[in-house]
Amino acid sequence: MTKPLGIQATAHRFEVTLPPGPLNVDIGVRNMMCVVSQVRNTVEGFPLCVNDIIVSVNDTLMAKLEGDTKKIGNFFRVVVDMTKKVVILRYTTK
């Protein structure tokens, strides 16, 4: 029998608008969700962080891409030249 760790995580939903161009992040797939695995953007105040879950981009739910890395890559190539409305979930622990 395991003991609970006593760690509480709270999810925060953010909506950010990013300019046309690449996101400058690496995206991995965890449990069928798009998760930021690395941030290559060094601009201060860049709104995406490692472990952020990308819920949707321009109203397209990432879950519809079924965790398929080829579909995800193709999707981001299509929207690269667009302004992107990105909804993310960020978990914080207490």
PDB file of N, CA and C in Angstrom:
ATOM      1  N   MET A   1       0.847  -1.174   0.000  1.00  0.00           N
ATOM      2  CA  MET A   1       0.000   0.000   0.000  1.00  0.00           C
ATOM      3  C   MET A   1       0.897   1.242   0.000  1.00  0.00           C
ATOM      4  N   THR A   2       0.597   2.186  -0.873  1.00  0.00           N
ATOM      5  CA  THR A   2       1.397   3.405  -0.944  1.00  0.00           C
ATOM      6  C   THR A   2       0.722   4.520  -0.176  1.00  0.00           C
ATOM      7  N   LYS A   3       1.553   5.421   0.328  1.00  0.00           N
ATOM      8  CA  LYS A   3       1.036   6.584   1.053  1.00  0.00           C
ATOM      9  C   LYS A   3       0.923   7.757   0.091  1.00  0.00           C
ATOM     10  N   PRO A   4      -0.103   8.572   0.221  1.00  0.00           N
ATOM     11  CA  PRO A   4      -0.196   9.766  -0.626  1.00  0.00           C
ATOM     12  C   PRO A   4       0.953  10.708  -0.319  1.00  0.00           C
ATOM     13  N   LEU A   5       1.435  11.379  -1.339  1.00  0.00           N
ATOM     14  CA  LEU A   5       2.568  12.282  -1.183  1.00  0.00           C
ATOM     15  C   LEU A   5       2.185  13.621  -0.583  1.00  0.00           C
ATOM     16  N   GLY A   6       0.916  13.941  -0.570  1.00  0.00           N
ATOM     17  CA  GLY A   6       0.483  15.216  -0.018  1.00  0.00           C
ATOM     18  C   GLY A   6       0.706  16.381  -0.957  1.00  0.00           C
ATOM     19  N   ILE A   7       0.943  16.092  -2.223  1.00  0.00           N
ATOM     20  CA  ILE A   7       1.158  17.151  -3.205  1.00  0.00           C
ATOM     21  C   ILE A   7      -0.166  17.453  -3.890  1.00  0.00           C
ATOM     22  N   GLN A   8      -0.517  18.716  -3.933  1.00  0.00           N
ATOM     23  CA  GLN A   8      -1.731  19.132  -4.623  1.00  0.00           C
ATOM     24  C   GLN A   8      -1.336  19.916  -5.863  1.00  0.00           C
ATOM     25  N   ALA A   9      -1.962  19.595  -6.973  1.00  0.00           N
ATOM     26  CA  ALA A   9      -1.711  20.319  -8.214  1.00  0.00           C
ATOM     27  C   ALA A   9      -2.983  21.053  -8.619  1.00  0.00           C
ATOM     28  N   THR A  10      -2.801  22.266  -9.069  1.00  0.00           N
ATOM     29  CA  THR A  10      -3.923  23.084  -9.524  1.00  0.00           C
ATOM     30  C   THR A  10      -3.699  23.420 -10.991  1.00  0.00           C
ATOM     31  N   ALA A  11      -4.733  23.238 -11.800  1.00  0.00           N
ATOM     32  CA  ALA A  11      -4.647  23.562 -13.225  1.00  0.00           C
ATOM     33  C   ALA A  11      -5.108  24.992 -13.452  1.00  0.00           C
ATOM     34  N   HIS A  12      -4.334  25.703 -14.231  1.00  0.00           N
ATOM     35  CA  HIS A  12      -4.679  27.071 -14.613  1.00  0.00           C
ATOM     36  C   HIS A  12      -4.822  27.102 -16.124  1.00  0.00           C
ATOM     37  N   ARG A  13      -5.911  27.678 -16.597  1.00  0.00           N
ATOM     38  CA  ARG A  13      -6.161  27.786 -18.034  1.00  0.00           C
ATOM     39  C   ARG A  13      -5.758  29.188 -18.483  1.00  0.00           C
ATOM     40  N   PHE A  14      -4.965  29.246 -19.538  1.00  0.00           N
ATOM     41  CA  PHE A  14      -4.524  30.511 -20.103  1.00  0.00           C
ATOM     42  C   PHE A  14      -4.864  30.542 -21.580  1.00  0.00           C
ATOM     43  N   GLU A  15      -5.191  31.711 -22.067  1.00  0.00           N
ATOM     44  CA  GLU A  15      -5.327  31.915 -23.511  1.00  0.00           C
ATOM     45  C   GLU A  15      -4.326  32.985 -23.898  1.00  0.00           C
ATOM     46  N   VAL A  16      -3.436  32.646 -24.820  1.00  0.00           N
ATOM     47  CA  VAL A  16      -2.412  33.589 -25.257  1.00  0.00           C
ATOM     48  C   VAL A  16      -2.486  33.729 -26.768  1.00  0.00           C
ATOM     49  N   THR A  17      -2.090  34.878 -27.251  1.00  0.00           N
ATOM     50  CA  THR A  17      -2.024  35.114 -28.686  1.00  0.00           C
ATOM     51  C   THR A  17      -0.564  35.234 -29.075  1.00  0.00           C
ATOM     52  N   LEU A  18      -0.176  34.424 -30.037  1.00  0.00           N
ATOM     53  CA  LEU A  18       1.206  34.417 -30.507  1.00  0.00           C
ATOM     54  C   LEU A  18       1.239  34.897 -31.956  1.00  0.00           C
ATOM     55  N   PRO A  19       2.285  35.645 -32.322  1.00  0.00           N
ATOM     56  CA  PRO A  19       2.367  36.202 -33.675  1.00  0.00           C
ATOM     57  C   PRO A  19       2.662  35.116 -34.711  1.00  0.00           C
ATOM     58  N   PRO A  20       2.479  35.455 -35.989  1.00  0.00           N
ATOM     59  CA  PRO A  20       2.852  34.511 -37.043  1.00  0.00           C
ATOM     60  C   PRO A  20       4.316  34.102 -36.882  1.00  0.00           C
ATOM     61  N   GLY A  21       4.596  32.897 -37.298  1.00  0.00           N
ATOM     62  CA  GLY A  21       5.945  32.352 -37.183  1.00  0.00           C
ATOM     63  C   GLY A  21       5.925  31.079 -36.348  1.00  0.00           C
ATOM     64  N   PRO A  22       7.064  30.431 -36.255  1.00  0.00           N
ATOM     65  CA  PRO A  22       7.125  29.193 -35.481  1.00  0.00           C
ATOM     66  C   PRO A  22       6.942  29.467 -33.991  1.00  0.00           C
ATOM     67  N   LEU A  23       6.459  28.459 -33.271  1.00  0.00           N
ATOM     68  CA  LEU A  23       6.271  28.605 -31.823  1.00  0.00           C
ATOM     69  C   LEU A  23       7.605  28.648 -31.074  1.00  0.00           C
ATOM     70  N   ASN A  24       8.650  28.088 -31.665  1.00  0.00           N
ATOM     71  CA  ASN A  24       9.957  27.995 -31.012  1.00  0.00           C
ATOM     72  C   ASN A  24       9.902  27.172 -29.734  1.00  0.00           C
ATOM     73  N   VAL A  25       9.102  26.126 -29.772  1.00  0.00           N
ATOM     74  CA  VAL A  25       9.063  25.148 -28.686  1.00  0.00           C
ATOM     75  C   VAL A  25       9.069  23.758 -29.309  1.00  0.00           C
ATOM     76  N   ASP A  26       9.534  22.790 -28.545  1.00  0.00           N
ATOM     77  CA  ASP A  26       9.395  21.394 -28.942  1.00  0.00           C
ATOM     78  C   ASP A  26       8.159  20.867 -28.249  1.00  0.00           C
ATOM     79  N   ILE A  27       7.399  20.071 -28.980  1.00  0.00           N
ATOM     80  CA  ILE A  27       6.160  19.523 -28.443  1.00  0.00           C
ATOM     81  C   ILE A  27       6.271  18.007 -28.416  1.00  0.00           C
ATOM     82  N   GLY A  28       5.972  17.456 -27.269  1.00  0.00           N
ATOM     83  CA  GLY A  28       5.922  16.012 -27.135  1.00  0.00           C
ATOM     84  C   GLY A  28       4.492  15.579 -26.918  1.00  0.00           C
ATOM     85  N   VAL A  29       4.288  14.288 -26.948  1.00  0.00           N
ATOM     86  CA  VAL A  29       2.956  13.739 -26.713  1.00  0.00           C
ATOM     87  C   VAL A  29       3.012  12.907 -25.453  1.00  0.00           C
ATOM     88  N   ARG A  30       2.150  13.252 -24.496  1.00  0.00           N
ATOM     89  CA  ARG A  30       2.037  12.501 -23.243  1.00  0.00           C
ATOM     90  C   ARG A  30       0.568  12.218 -23.000  1.00  0.00           C
ATOM     91  N   ASN A  31       0.214  10.957 -22.889  1.00  0.00           N
ATOM     92  CA  ASN A  31      -1.184  10.583 -22.665  1.00  0.00           C
ATOM     93  C   ASN A  31      -2.103  11.227 -23.700  1.00  0.00           C
ATOM     94  N   MET A  32      -1.675  11.212 -24.949  1.00  0.00           N
ATOM     95  CA  MET A  32      -2.450  11.740 -26.078  1.00  0.00           C
ATOM     96  C   MET A  32      -2.606  13.263 -26.045  1.00  0.00           C
ATOM     97  N   MET A  33      -1.826  13.956 -25.222  1.00  0.00           N
ATOM     98  CA  MET A  33      -1.908  15.411 -25.130  1.00  0.00           C
ATOM     99  C   MET A  33      -0.620  16.024 -25.659  1.00  0.00           C
ATOM    100  N   CYS A  34      -0.738  17.205 -26.270  1.00  0.00           N
ATOM    101  CA  CYS A  34       0.430  17.952 -26.736  1.00  0.00           C
ATOM    102  C   CYS A  34       1.019  18.697 -25.546  1.00  0.00           C
ATOM    103  N   VAL A  35       2.271  18.404 -25.238  1.00  0.00           N
ATOM    104  CA  VAL A  35       2.925  18.990 -24.074  1.00  0.00           C
ATOM    105  C   VAL A  35       4.217  19.665 -24.526  1.00  0.00           C
ATOM    106  N   VAL A  36       4.444  20.891 -24.054  1.00  0.00           N
ATOM    107  CA  VAL A  36       5.681  21.598 -24.367  1.00  0.00           C
ATOM    108  C   VAL A  36       6.826  20.878 -23.653  1.00  0.00           C
ATOM    109  N   SER A  37       7.788  20.380 -24.441  1.00  0.00           N
ATOM    110  CA  SER A  37       8.909  19.654 -23.842  1.00  0.00           C
ATOM    111  C   SER A  37      10.169  20.502 -23.761  1.00  0.00           C
ATOM    112  N   GLN A  38      10.264  21.526 -24.597  1.00  0.00           N
ATOM    113  CA  GLN A  38      11.418  22.422 -24.551  1.00  0.00           C
ATOM    114  C   GLN A  38      11.019  23.770 -25.127  1.00  0.00           C
ATOM    115  N   VAL A  39      11.497  24.843 -24.504  1.00  0.00           N
ATOM    116  CA  VAL A  39      11.247  26.196 -24.999  1.00  0.00           C
ATOM    117  C   VAL A  39      12.551  26.727 -25.572  1.00  0.00           C
ATOM    118  N   ARG A  40      12.537  27.055 -26.869  1.00  0.00           N
ATOM    119  CA  ARG A  40      13.736  27.589 -27.521  1.00  0.00           C
ATOM    120  C   ARG A  40      13.666  29.099 -27.668  1.00  0.00           C
ATOM    121  N   ASN A  41      12.540  29.707 -27.295  1.00  0.00           N
ATOM    122  CA  ASN A  41      12.368  31.153 -27.403  1.00  0.00           C
ATOM    123  C   ASN A  41      12.981  31.805 -26.172  1.00  0.00           C
ATOM    124  N   THR A  42      13.873  32.745 -26.378  1.00  0.00           N
ATOM    125  CA  THR A  42      14.546  33.394 -25.254  1.00  0.00           C
ATOM    126  C   THR A  42      13.997  34.787 -24.964  1.00  0.00           C
ATOM    127  N   VAL A  43      12.887  35.152 -25.601  1.00  0.00           N
ATOM    128  CA  VAL A  43      12.288  36.457 -25.375  1.00  0.00           C
ATOM    129  C   VAL A  43      11.693  36.497 -23.968  1.00  0.00           C
ATOM    130  N   GLU A  44      12.058  37.520 -23.200  1.00  0.00           N
ATOM    131  CA  GLU A  44      11.513  37.652 -21.851  1.00  0.00           C
ATOM    132  C   GLU A  44       9.999  37.781 -21.913  1.00  0.00           C
ATOM    133  N   GLY A  45       9.327  37.064 -21.054  1.00  0.00           N
ATOM    134  CA  GLY A  45       7.875  37.115 -21.009  1.00  0.00           C
ATOM    135  C   GLY A  45       7.198  36.170 -21.991  1.00  0.00           C
ATOM    136  N   PHE A  46       7.968  35.313 -22.677  1.00  0.00           N
ATOM    137  CA  PHE A  46       7.363  34.336 -23.597  1.00  0.00           C
ATOM    138  C   PHE A  46       6.385  33.491 -22.799  1.00  0.00           C
ATOM    139  N   PRO A  47       5.131  33.357 -23.285  1.00  0.00           N
ATOM    140  CA  PRO A  47       4.078  32.796 -22.436  1.00  0.00           C
ATOM    141  C   PRO A  47       4.045  31.279 -22.289  1.00  0.00           C
ATOM    142  N   LEU A  48       4.810  30.528 -23.078  1.00  0.00           N
ATOM    143  CA  LEU A  48       4.759  29.076 -22.958  1.00  0.00           C
ATOM    144  C   LEU A  48       5.917  28.569 -22.103  1.00  0.00           C
ATOM    145  N   CYS A  49       5.642  27.548 -21.312  1.00  0.00           N
ATOM    146  CA  CYS A  49       6.637  26.963 -20.411  1.00  0.00           C
ATOM    147  C   CYS A  49       6.684  25.449 -20.616  1.00  0.00           C
ATOM    148  N   VAL A  50       7.813  24.861 -20.250  1.00  0.00           N
ATOM    149  CA  VAL A  50       7.938  23.408 -20.277  1.00  0.00           C
ATOM    150  C   VAL A  50       6.819  22.809 -19.418  1.00  0.00           C
ATOM    151  N   ASN A  51       6.222  21.747 -19.900  1.00  0.00           N
ATOM    152  CA  ASN A  51       5.118  21.001 -19.281  1.00  0.00           C
ATOM    153  C   ASN A  51       3.747  21.648 -19.475  1.00  0.00           C
ATOM    154  N   ASP A  52       3.660  22.788 -20.158  1.00  0.00           N
ATOM    155  CA  ASP A  52       2.343  23.326 -20.507  1.00  0.00           C
ATOM    156  C   ASP A  52       1.656  22.349 -21.450  1.00  0.00           C
ATOM    157  N   ILE A  53       0.368  22.164 -21.247  1.00  0.00           N
ATOM    158  CA  ILE A  53      -0.433  21.335 -22.138  1.00  0.00           C
ATOM    159  C   ILE A  53      -1.131  22.267 -23.119  1.00  0.00           C
ATOM    160  N   ILE A  54      -0.905  22.031 -24.404  1.00  0.00           N
ATOM    161  CA  ILE A  54      -1.557  22.843 -25.428  1.00  0.00           C
ATOM    162  C   ILE A  54      -2.919  22.207 -25.712  1.00  0.00           C
ATOM    163  N   VAL A  55      -3.967  22.905 -25.302  1.00  0.00           N
ATOM    164  CA  VAL A  55      -5.333  22.392 -25.436  1.00  0.00           C
ATOM    165  C   VAL A  55      -5.858  22.631 -26.845  1.00  0.00           C
ATOM    166  N   SER A  56      -5.666  23.849 -27.347  1.00  0.00           N
ATOM    167  CA  SER A  56      -6.151  24.173 -28.685  1.00  0.00           C
ATOM    168  C   SER A  56      -5.317  25.297 -29.285  1.00  0.00           C
ATOM    169  N   VAL A  57      -5.352  25.349 -30.604  1.00  0.00           N
ATOM    170  CA  VAL A  57      -4.724  26.435 -31.362  1.00  0.00           C
ATOM    171  C   VAL A  57      -5.742  26.876 -32.395  1.00  0.00           C
ATOM    172  N   ASN A  58      -6.071  28.162 -32.365  1.00  0.00           N
ATOM    173  CA  ASN A  58      -7.067  28.725 -33.287  1.00  0.00           C
ATOM    174  C   ASN A  58      -8.345  27.885 -33.307  1.00  0.00           C
ATOM    175  N   ASP A  59      -8.791  27.527 -32.116  1.00  0.00           N
ATOM    176  CA  ASP A  59     -10.037  26.782 -31.915  1.00  0.00           C
ATOM    177  C   ASP A  59      -9.999  25.332 -32.405  1.00  0.00           C
ATOM    178  N   THR A  60      -8.834  24.835 -32.803  1.00  0.00           N
ATOM    179  CA  THR A  60      -8.692  23.417 -33.143  1.00  0.00           C
ATOM    180  C   THR A  60      -8.194  22.689 -31.910  1.00  0.00           C
ATOM    181  N   LEU A  61      -8.986  21.741 -31.430  1.00  0.00           N
ATOM    182  CA  LEU A  61      -8.589  20.969 -30.252  1.00  0.00           C
ATOM    183  C   LEU A  61      -7.466  20.017 -30.620  1.00  0.00           C
ATOM    184  N   MET A  62      -6.400  20.053 -29.849  1.00  0.00           N
ATOM    185  CA  MET A  62      -5.269  19.169 -30.096  1.00  0.00           C
ATOM    186  C   MET A  62      -5.651  17.704 -29.897  1.00  0.00           C
ATOM    187  N   ALA A  63      -6.653  17.439 -29.063  1.00  0.00           N
ATOM    188  CA  ALA A  63      -7.112  16.063 -28.845  1.00  0.00           C
ATOM    189  C   ALA A  63      -7.621  15.434 -30.146  1.00  0.00           C
ATOM    190  N   LYS A  64      -8.103  16.255 -31.059  1.00  0.00           N
ATOM    191  CA  LYS A  64      -8.591  15.727 -32.337  1.00  0.00           C
ATOM    192  C   LYS A  64      -7.460  15.176 -33.197  1.00  0.00           C
ATOM    193  N   LEU A  65      -6.227  15.545 -32.871  1.00  0.00           N
ATOM    194  CA  LEU A  65      -5.072  15.039 -33.615  1.00  0.00           C
ATOM    195  C   LEU A  65      -4.616  13.687 -33.073  1.00  0.00           C
ATOM    196  N   GLU A  66      -5.289  13.216 -32.044  1.00  0.00           N
ATOM    197  CA  GLU A  66      -5.144  11.858 -31.505  1.00  0.00           C
ATOM    198  C   GLU A  66      -3.732  11.491 -31.074  1.00  0.00           C
ATOM    199  N   GLY A  67      -2.931  12.473 -30.702  1.00  0.00           N
ATOM    200  CA  GLY A  67      -1.576  12.176 -30.258  1.00  0.00           C
ATOM    201  C   GLY A  67      -0.653  11.715 -31.371  1.00  0.00           C
ATOM    202  N   ASP A  68      -1.086  11.869 -32.613  1.00  0.00           N
ATOM    203  CA  ASP A  68      -0.311  11.439 -33.778  1.00  0.00           C
ATOM    204  C   ASP A  68       0.718  12.527 -34.121  1.00  0.00           C
ATOM    205  N   THR A  69       1.993  12.235 -33.924  1.00  0.00           N
ATOM    206  CA  THR A  69       3.026  13.254 -34.113  1.00  0.00           C
ATOM    207  C   THR A  69       3.072  13.777 -35.550  1.00  0.00           C
ATOM    208  N   LYS A  70       2.739  12.945 -36.521  1.00  0.00           N
ATOM    209  CA  LYS A  70       2.723  13.407 -37.908  1.00  0.00           C
ATOM    210  C   LYS A  70       1.595  14.423 -38.119  1.00  0.00           C
ATOM    211  N   LYS A  71       0.404  14.129 -37.587  1.00  0.00           N
ATOM    212  CA  LYS A  71      -0.720  15.063 -37.687  1.00  0.00           C
ATOM    213  C   LYS A  71      -0.405  16.369 -36.963  1.00  0.00           C
ATOM    214  N   ILE A  72       0.222  16.265 -35.800  1.00  0.00           N
ATOM    215  CA  ILE A  72       0.569  17.465 -35.027  1.00  0.00           C
ATOM    216  C   ILE A  72       1.560  18.324 -35.812  1.00  0.00           C
ATOM    217  N   GLY A  73       2.601  17.692 -36.354  1.00  0.00           N
ATOM    218  CA  GLY A  73       3.585  18.431 -37.155  1.00  0.00           C
ATOM    219  C   GLY A  73       2.953  19.099 -38.356  1.00  0.00           C
ATOM    220  N   ASN A  74       2.086  18.375 -39.057  1.00  0.00           N
ATOM    221  CA  ASN A  74       1.394  18.949 -40.222  1.00  0.00           C
ATOM    222  C   ASN A  74       0.520  20.128 -39.820  1.00  0.00           C
ATOM    223  N   PHE A  75      -0.181  19.996 -38.703  1.00  0.00           N
ATOM    224  CA  PHE A  75      -1.045  21.086 -38.239  1.00  0.00           C
ATOM    225  C   PHE A  75      -0.220  22.351 -37.975  1.00  0.00           C
ATOM    226  N   PHE A  76       0.892  22.214 -37.269  1.00  0.00           N
ATOM    227  CA  PHE A  76       1.691  23.399 -36.951  1.00  0.00           C
ATOM    228  C   PHE A  76       2.362  23.983 -38.187  1.00  0.00           C
ATOM    229  N   ARG A  77       2.628  23.179 -39.205  1.00  0.00           N
ATOM    230  CA  ARG A  77       3.140  23.727 -40.462  1.00  0.00           C
ATOM    231  C   ARG A  77       2.064  24.568 -41.160  1.00  0.00           C
ATOM    232  N   VAL A  78       0.808  24.157 -41.045  1.00  0.00           N
ATOM    233  CA  VAL A  78      -0.296  24.895 -41.675  1.00  0.00           C
ATOM    234  C   VAL A  78      -0.498  26.256 -41.002  1.00  0.00           C
ATOM    235  N   VAL A  79      -0.373  26.316 -39.676  1.00  0.00           N
ATOM    236  CA  VAL A  79      -0.668  27.564 -38.960  1.00  0.00           C
ATOM    237  C   VAL A  79       0.570  28.434 -38.717  1.00  0.00           C
ATOM    238  N   VAL A  80       1.729  28.028 -39.228  1.00  0.00           N
ATOM    239  CA  VAL A  80       2.961  28.761 -38.920  1.00  0.00           C
ATOM    240  C   VAL A  80       2.884  30.234 -39.319  1.00  0.00           C
ATOM    241  N   ASP A  81       2.232  30.561 -40.416  1.00  0.00           N
ATOM    242  CA  ASP A  81       2.181  31.951 -40.885  1.00  0.00           C
ATOM    243  C   ASP A  81       0.963  32.717 -40.378  1.00  0.00           C
ATOM    244  N   MET A  82       0.257  32.146 -39.419  1.00  0.00           N
ATOM    245  CA  MET A  82      -0.948  32.786 -38.866  1.00  0.00           C
ATOM    246  C   MET A  82      -0.693  33.285 -37.453  1.00  0.00           C
ATOM    247  N   THR A  83      -1.476  34.286 -37.041  1.00  0.00           N
ATOM    248  CA  THR A  83      -1.542  34.631 -35.629  1.00  0.00           C
ATOM    249  C   THR A  83      -2.233  33.452 -34.948  1.00  0.00           C
ATOM    250  N   LYS A  84      -1.709  33.048 -33.796  1.00  0.00           N
ATOM    251  CA  LYS A  84      -2.223  31.852 -33.146  1.00  0.00           C
ATOM    252  C   LYS A  84      -2.830  32.177 -31.789  1.00  0.00           C
ATOM    253  N   LYS A  85      -4.096  31.792 -31.618  1.00  0.00           N
ATOM    254  CA  LYS A  85      -4.753  31.877 -30.310  1.00  0.00           C
ATOM    255  C   LYS A  85      -4.566  30.500 -29.670  1.00  0.00           C
ATOM    256  N   VAL A  86      -3.761  30.464 -28.613  1.00  0.00           N
ATOM    257  CA  VAL A  86      -3.379  29.195 -28.001  1.00  0.00           C
ATOM    258  C   VAL A  86      -3.978  29.104 -26.600  1.00  0.00           C
ATOM    259  N   VAL A  87      -4.690  28.017 -26.342  1.00  0.00           N
ATOM    260  CA  VAL A  87      -5.217  27.753 -25.004  1.00  0.00           C
ATOM    261  C   VAL A  87      -4.328  26.690 -24.381  1.00  0.00           C
ATOM    262  N   ILE A  88      -3.811  27.001 -23.190  1.00  0.00           N
ATOM    263  CA  ILE A  88      -2.926  26.060 -22.503  1.00  0.00           C
ATOM    264  C   ILE A  88      -3.433  25.789 -21.087  1.00  0.00           C
ATOM    265  N   LEU A  89      -3.033  24.646 -20.579  1.00  0.00           N
ATOM    266  CA  LEU A  89      -3.222  24.322 -19.163  1.00  0.00           C
ATOM    267  C   LEU A  89      -1.849  24.250 -18.544  1.00  0.00           C
ATOM    268  N   ARG A  90      -1.714  24.892 -17.406  1.00  0.00           N
ATOM    269  CA  ARG A  90      -0.447  24.858 -16.661  1.00  0.00           C
ATOM    270  C   ARG A  90      -0.768  24.414 -15.237  1.00  0.00           C
ATOM    271  N   TYR A  91      -0.066  23.391 -14.799  1.00  0.00           N
ATOM    272  CA  TYR A  91      -0.279  22.876 -13.442  1.00  0.00           C
ATOM    273  C   TYR A  91       0.755  23.467 -12.510  1.00  0.00           C
ATOM    274  N   THR A  92       0.304  23.878 -11.345  1.00  0.00           N
ATOM    275  CA  THR A  92       1.210  24.343 -10.292  1.00  0.00           C
ATOM    276  C   THR A  92       0.960  23.467  -9.080  1.00  0.00           C
ATOM    277  N   THR A  93       2.003  23.276  -8.294  1.00  0.00           N
ATOM    278  CA  THR A  93       1.886  22.443  -7.101  1.00  0.00           C
ATOM    279  C   THR A  93       2.022  23.289  -5.857  1.00  0.00           C
ATOM    280  N   LYS A  94       1.426  22.767  -4.775  1.00  0.00           N
ATOM    281  CA  LYS A  94       1.504  23.463  -3.488  1.00  0.00           C
ATOM    282  C   LYS A  94       2.336  22.641  -2.551  1.00  0.00           C
TER     283      LYS A  94
END
